[in-house]
Amino acid sequence: MSQENVEVVRRIYEQGLLDRHPEQALGLFSPDVEFVNPPEAVEPGVRRGIPELAQALQSVTESFDSTQHELLDLSDAGESVVAWLNFRTRSGGSETEVVQQEAHTWTFRAGKVVRFEWGRDRMAALKAAGLRE
């Protein structure tokens, strides 16, 4: 199942589901999904369930003129997949692009995402997924 999880996560980024079609991604999530924003996020905290997740994803797409999650690396941790990526945004009609590196941890159960957590510390994400000591 872990290779299938990796391929699901890869497809999410390759198809731009978080950037252009977040509503298409919702079928990949468990009804009891947890979406975790880190303390330094604009809207920190945990969102639970599909309706709260949908609202959070919509908020991101509405907050920026454009977003792009550029996948750099995927790490397989069995039930979890850690993605390392560049998050690119433009807003306010600006031509200036802002780029920040992020670690996204996707946790699966029975083929569905049950937890999606992001942050900026790749090593902490890998450690939390059991890939580093």
C-alpha atoms as a PDB file:
ATOM      1  CA  MET A   1       0.000   0.000   0.000  1.00  0.00           C
ATOM      2  CA  SER A   2       2.850   2.445   0.660  1.00  0.00           C
ATOM      3  CA  GLN A   3       3.835   2.707  -3.022  1.00  0.00           C
ATOM      4  CA  GLU A   4       0.191   3.426  -3.854  1.00  0.00           C
ATOM      5  CA  ASN A   5       0.213   6.198  -1.233  1.00  0.00           C
ATOM      6  CA  VAL A   6       3.337   7.704  -2.795  1.00  0.00           C
ATOM      7  CA  GLU A   7       1.685   7.679  -6.219  1.00  0.00           C
ATOM      8  CA  VAL A   8      -1.473   9.353  -4.877  1.00  0.00           C
ATOM      9  CA  VAL A   9       0.618  12.155  -3.367  1.00  0.00           C
ATOM     10  CA  ARG A  10       2.690  12.497  -6.543  1.00  0.00           C
ATOM     11  CA  ARG A  11      -0.510  12.797  -8.603  1.00  0.00           C
ATOM     12  CA  ILE A  12      -1.883  15.505  -6.289  1.00  0.00           C
ATOM     13  CA  TYR A  13       1.122  17.715  -7.035  1.00  0.00           C
ATOM     14  CA  GLU A  14       1.586  16.788 -10.694  1.00  0.00           C
ATOM     15  CA  GLN A  15      -2.072  17.516 -11.467  1.00  0.00           C
ATOM     16  CA  GLY A  16      -2.053  20.749  -9.445  1.00  0.00           C
ATOM     17  CA  LEU A  17      -4.991  19.579  -7.340  1.00  0.00           C
ATOM     18  CA  LEU A  18      -4.076  21.841  -4.419  1.00  0.00           C
ATOM     19  CA  ASP A  19      -3.556  24.830  -6.706  1.00  0.00           C
ATOM     20  CA  ARG A  20      -6.195  24.741  -9.415  1.00  0.00           C
ATOM     21  CA  HIS A  21      -8.671  22.010  -8.525  1.00  0.00           C
ATOM     22  CA  PRO A  22      -8.891  21.535  -4.745  1.00  0.00           C
ATOM     23  CA  GLU A  23     -12.474  20.281  -5.059  1.00  0.00           C
ATOM     24  CA  GLN A  24     -11.174  17.342  -7.135  1.00  0.00           C
ATOM     25  CA  ALA A  25      -8.801  16.378  -4.321  1.00  0.00           C
ATOM     26  CA  LEU A  26     -11.568  16.034  -1.718  1.00  0.00           C
ATOM     27  CA  GLY A  27     -12.421  12.467  -2.775  1.00  0.00           C
ATOM     28  CA  LEU A  28      -8.929  11.390  -1.691  1.00  0.00           C
ATOM     29  CA  PHE A  29      -9.620  12.308   1.943  1.00  0.00           C
ATOM     30  CA  SER A  30     -11.322  10.323   4.703  1.00  0.00           C
ATOM     31  CA  PRO A  31     -14.497  11.900   6.122  1.00  0.00           C
ATOM     32  CA  ASP A  32     -12.662  12.296   9.471  1.00  0.00           C
ATOM     33  CA  VAL A  33      -9.541  13.934   7.953  1.00  0.00           C
ATOM     34  CA  GLU A  34      -7.410  16.313  10.019  1.00  0.00           C
ATOM     35  CA  PHE A  35      -5.751  19.268   8.279  1.00  0.00           C
ATOM     36  CA  VAL A  36      -2.984  20.767  10.429  1.00  0.00           C
ATOM     37  CA  ASN A  37      -1.598  24.277   9.904  1.00  0.00           C
ATOM     38  CA  PRO A  38       1.556  25.108  11.910  1.00  0.00           C
ATOM     39  CA  PRO A  39       1.609  27.873  14.548  1.00  0.00           C
ATOM     40  CA  GLU A  40       3.279  30.312  12.111  1.00  0.00           C
ATOM     41  CA  ALA A  41       0.549  29.899   9.467  1.00  0.00           C
ATOM     42  CA  VAL A  42      -1.842  32.752   8.689  1.00  0.00           C
ATOM     43  CA  GLU A  43      -4.661  30.549  10.020  1.00  0.00           C
ATOM     44  CA  PRO A  44      -2.962  28.102  12.454  1.00  0.00           C
ATOM     45  CA  GLY A  45      -4.654  25.116  14.000  1.00  0.00           C
ATOM     46  CA  VAL A  46      -6.446  21.897  13.116  1.00  0.00           C
ATOM     47  CA  ARG A  47      -9.419  21.608  10.752  1.00  0.00           C
ATOM     48  CA  ARG A  48     -11.463  18.407  11.010  1.00  0.00           C
ATOM     49  CA  GLY A  49     -13.649  16.757   8.408  1.00  0.00           C
ATOM     50  CA  ILE A  50     -14.225  17.344   4.713  1.00  0.00           C
ATOM     51  CA  PRO A  51     -16.247  20.590   5.076  1.00  0.00           C
ATOM     52  CA  GLU A  52     -13.522  22.297   7.142  1.00  0.00           C
ATOM     53  CA  LEU A  53     -10.802  20.964   4.821  1.00  0.00           C
ATOM     54  CA  ALA A  54     -12.689  22.225   1.757  1.00  0.00           C
ATOM     55  CA  GLN A  55     -13.036  25.653   3.343  1.00  0.00           C
ATOM     56  CA  ALA A  56      -9.316  25.784   4.187  1.00  0.00           C
ATOM     57  CA  LEU A  57      -8.275  24.763   0.659  1.00  0.00           C
ATOM     58  CA  GLN A  58     -10.654  27.303  -0.864  1.00  0.00           C
ATOM     59  CA  SER A  59      -9.280  29.997   1.438  1.00  0.00           C
ATOM     60  CA  VAL A  60      -5.759  29.365   0.131  1.00  0.00           C
ATOM     61  CA  THR A  61      -6.799  29.577  -3.528  1.00  0.00           C
ATOM     62  CA  GLU A  62      -8.816  32.755  -2.860  1.00  0.00           C
ATOM     63  CA  SER A  63      -6.017  34.426  -0.868  1.00  0.00           C
ATOM     64  CA  PHE A  64      -3.553  34.444  -3.758  1.00  0.00           C
ATOM     65  CA  ASP A  65      -3.679  35.361  -7.430  1.00  0.00           C
ATOM     66  CA  SER A  66      -1.786  32.137  -8.124  1.00  0.00           C
ATOM     67  CA  THR A  67      -0.238  29.238  -6.250  1.00  0.00           C
ATOM     68  CA  GLN A  68       2.003  26.399  -7.330  1.00  0.00           C
ATOM     69  CA  HIS A  69       3.226  23.462  -5.271  1.00  0.00           C
ATOM     70  CA  GLU A  70       6.458  22.407  -6.995  1.00  0.00           C
ATOM     71  CA  LEU A  71       7.355  18.903  -5.838  1.00  0.00           C
ATOM     72  CA  LEU A  72      11.059  18.360  -5.092  1.00  0.00           C
ATOM     73  CA  ASP A  73      11.111  15.006  -3.285  1.00  0.00           C
ATOM     74  CA  LEU A  74       8.876  12.304  -1.816  1.00  0.00           C
ATOM     75  CA  SER A  75       9.804  10.066   1.114  1.00  0.00           C
ATOM     76  CA  ASP A  76       7.869   6.856   1.768  1.00  0.00           C
ATOM     77  CA  ALA A  77       7.203   6.148   5.450  1.00  0.00           C
ATOM     78  CA  GLY A  78       4.652   3.370   5.015  1.00  0.00           C
ATOM     79  CA  GLU A  79       1.355   4.870   6.184  1.00  0.00           C
ATOM     80  CA  SER A  80       2.786   8.366   5.700  1.00  0.00           C
ATOM     81  CA  VAL A  81       4.380  10.155   2.772  1.00  0.00           C
ATOM     82  CA  VAL A  82       6.534  13.245   3.313  1.00  0.00           C
ATOM     83  CA  ALA A  83       6.690  15.668   0.391  1.00  0.00           C
ATOM     84  CA  TRP A  84       9.374  18.354   0.157  1.00  0.00           C
ATOM     85  CA  LEU A  85       8.392  21.195  -2.145  1.00  0.00           C
ATOM     86  CA  ASN A  86       8.544  24.826  -3.129  1.00  0.00           C
ATOM     87  CA  PHE A  87       5.297  26.701  -2.543  1.00  0.00           C
ATOM     88  CA  ARG A  88       5.134  29.586  -5.028  1.00  0.00           C
ATOM     89  CA  THR A  89       2.585  32.390  -4.748  1.00  0.00           C
ATOM     90  CA  ARG A  90       1.680  35.759  -6.233  1.00  0.00           C
ATOM     91  CA  SER A  91      -0.924  38.102  -4.818  1.00  0.00           C
ATOM     92  CA  GLY A  92      -2.302  41.602  -5.020  1.00  0.00           C
ATOM     93  CA  GLY A  93      -1.824  41.780  -8.785  1.00  0.00           C
ATOM     94  CA  SER A  94       1.929  41.696  -8.240  1.00  0.00           C
ATOM     95  CA  GLU A  95       4.369  40.154 -10.682  1.00  0.00           C
ATOM     96  CA  THR A  96       6.613  39.329  -7.714  1.00  0.00           C
ATOM     97  CA  GLU A  97       6.617  35.674  -6.779  1.00  0.00           C
ATOM     98  CA  VAL A  98       7.137  34.549  -3.188  1.00  0.00           C
ATOM     99  CA  VAL A  99       8.661  31.110  -2.686  1.00  0.00           C
ATOM    100  CA  GLN A 100       8.916  29.135   0.529  1.00  0.00           C
ATOM    101  CA  GLN A 101      10.025  25.566   1.053  1.00  0.00           C
ATOM    102  CA  GLU A 102       7.551  23.324   2.828  1.00  0.00           C
ATOM    103  CA  ALA A 103       7.287  19.774   4.119  1.00  0.00           C
ATOM    104  CA  HIS A 104       3.863  18.165   3.707  1.00  0.00           C
ATOM    105  CA  THR A 105       3.091  14.978   5.603  1.00  0.00           C
ATOM    106  CA  TRP A 106       0.239  12.879   4.226  1.00  0.00           C
ATOM    107  CA  THR A 107      -1.006  10.031   6.440  1.00  0.00           C
ATOM    108  CA  PHE A 108      -3.191   7.298   4.952  1.00  0.00           C
ATOM    109  CA  ARG A 109      -5.606   4.716   6.298  1.00  0.00           C
ATOM    110  CA  ALA A 110      -7.444   2.277   4.016  1.00  0.00           C
ATOM    111  CA  GLY A 111      -6.346   4.204   0.922  1.00  0.00           C
ATOM    112  CA  LYS A 112      -7.648   7.603   2.107  1.00  0.00           C
ATOM    113  CA  VAL A 113      -5.796  10.592   3.557  1.00  0.00           C
ATOM    114  CA  VAL A 114      -6.640  10.841   7.264  1.00  0.00           C
ATOM    115  CA  ARG A 115      -4.167  13.613   8.120  1.00  0.00           C
ATOM    116  CA  PHE A 116      -2.448  16.339   6.127  1.00  0.00           C
ATOM    117  CA  GLU A 117       0.086  18.460   7.982  1.00  0.00           C
ATOM    118  CA  TRP A 118       2.482  21.040   6.653  1.00  0.00           C
ATOM    119  CA  GLY A 119       5.407  22.977   8.018  1.00  0.00           C
ATOM    120  CA  ARG A 120       8.765  24.348   6.964  1.00  0.00           C
ATOM    121  CA  ASP A 121      11.122  21.948   8.753  1.00  0.00           C
ATOM    122  CA  ARG A 122      11.865  18.961   6.538  1.00  0.00           C
ATOM    123  CA  MET A 123      13.976  17.116   9.104  1.00  0.00           C
ATOM    124  CA  ALA A 124      11.247  17.451  11.758  1.00  0.00           C
ATOM    125  CA  ALA A 125       8.664  16.069   9.306  1.00  0.00           C
ATOM    126  CA  LEU A 126      10.905  13.121   8.388  1.00  0.00           C
ATOM    127  CA  LYS A 127      11.599  12.432  12.059  1.00  0.00           C
ATOM    128  CA  ALA A 128       7.887  12.578  12.961  1.00  0.00           C
ATOM    129  CA  ALA A 129       7.195  10.076  10.148  1.00  0.00           C
ATOM    130  CA  GLY A 130       9.856   7.732  11.563  1.00  0.00           C
ATOM    131  CA  LEU A 131      12.395   8.256   8.779  1.00  0.00           C
ATOM    132  CA  ARG A 132      15.086   9.978  10.879  1.00  0.00           C
ATOM    133  CA  GLU A 133      16.323   9.653  14.444  1.00  0.00           C
END
